[in-house]
Protein backbone atom coordinates (compact mmCIF):
# COMPACT_ATOMS: atom_id res chain seq x y z
CA GLY A 1 -42.65 -46.33 98.79
CA LYS A 2 -38.55 -46.93 99.28
CA ILE A 3 -38.71 -42.56 98.17
CA ALA A 4 -40.67 -40.27 100.78
CA ASP A 5 -43.00 -37.87 98.24
CA ALA A 6 -41.81 -34.84 99.36
CA ALA A 7 -38.00 -36.39 98.88
CA LEU A 8 -39.30 -37.65 95.04
CA GLU A 9 -40.94 -33.65 94.67
CA LYS A 10 -37.10 -32.49 95.54
CA LEU A 11 -36.16 -34.78 93.12
CA ILE A 12 -38.28 -34.21 90.24
CA ARG A 13 -37.95 -30.21 90.80
CA ALA A 14 -34.26 -30.38 90.68
CA HIS A 15 -34.37 -32.32 87.52
CA PHE A 16 -37.60 -30.92 85.54
CA ASP A 17 -38.87 -27.24 84.48
CA LEU A 18 -42.43 -27.60 85.02
CA ARG A 19 -42.97 -24.57 83.14
CA PRO A 20 -45.23 -25.15 80.29
CA TYR A 21 -42.54 -23.32 78.54
CA GLY A 22 -39.79 -26.09 80.25
CA ILE A 23 -42.27 -28.78 78.98
CA LEU A 24 -42.57 -27.63 75.17
CA GLN A 25 -38.94 -28.00 75.43
CA MET A 26 -38.38 -30.47 76.75
CA LEU A 27 -40.10 -32.68 75.35
CA ASP A 28 -40.47 -31.26 72.37
CA LEU A 29 -43.96 -29.84 71.62
CA ILE A 30 -43.84 -27.62 68.88
CA HIS A 31 -44.07 -29.42 66.48
CA PRO A 32 -47.74 -30.95 65.38
CA MET A 33 -47.65 -34.36 65.20
CA TYR A 34 -51.45 -35.19 65.23
CA GLN A 35 -51.29 -37.71 62.18
CA ARG A 36 -48.03 -39.94 63.95
CA THR A 37 -50.33 -39.84 67.33
CA ALA A 38 -54.04 -40.53 65.93
CA ALA A 39 -53.33 -44.47 65.68
CA TYR A 40 -52.30 -46.56 68.34
CA GLY A 41 -52.15 -45.07 71.02
CA HIS A 42 -49.77 -42.34 72.67
CA PHE A 43 -47.31 -44.45 74.52
CA GLY A 44 -45.79 -47.45 74.89
CA ARG A 45 -44.51 -46.09 71.01
CA LYS A 46 -40.36 -45.25 70.31
CA PRO A 47 -39.44 -42.27 71.05
CA VAL A 48 -37.87 -41.36 66.42
CA THR A 49 -36.37 -39.20 65.20
CA VAL A 50 -38.69 -37.52 61.62
CA LYS A 51 -38.24 -34.93 59.21
CA GLY A 52 -40.53 -32.44 59.47
CA LYS A 53 -41.16 -28.75 56.89
CA ASN A 54 -39.81 -26.62 59.93
CA GLY A 55 -36.58 -29.78 60.71
CA ASP A 56 -36.47 -32.25 62.50
CA TYR A 57 -37.51 -32.70 65.93
CA THR A 58 -38.24 -35.63 67.47
CA ALA A 59 -42.59 -37.73 68.24
CA PHE A 60 -42.77 -39.60 70.51
CA SER A 61 -40.38 -38.48 73.27
CA TRP A 62 -42.16 -38.07 76.09
CA GLU A 63 -40.98 -42.44 76.12
CA LYS A 64 -38.09 -40.95 76.62
CA THR A 65 -35.58 -42.71 79.41
CA ASP A 66 -32.35 -39.84 78.97
CA LYS A 67 -33.38 -38.44 83.01
CA ALA A 68 -33.22 -42.65 84.42
CA ALA A 69 -29.74 -42.98 85.85
CA GLU A 70 -29.53 -39.15 86.48
CA LEU A 71 -32.68 -39.29 88.68
CA LYS A 72 -31.73 -42.85 90.22
CA ALA A 73 -28.39 -41.17 91.84
CA ALA A 74 -29.26 -38.96 92.74
CA ALA A 75 -31.77 -40.28 95.50
CA LYS A 76 -29.36 -42.74 96.04
CA GLY A 77 -27.67 -39.95 97.78
CA LEU A 78 -30.83 -39.82 99.68
């Protein structure tokens, strides 16, 4: 690709917390959303804020692209 694998790995590790706790926090996975994800698949859906019993949460949070610009800018420096 355009970016070496080692450089890409460095970018990912610098911008994402890949520990289990970090993934839970980043993707807001502490809230069960089985019913929402059971139909029409898990991917290709827009993230939506849902009012749950224990507070609001983001369903389909893994579809967010909020880090794209930050990663692109960091990749230009490589």
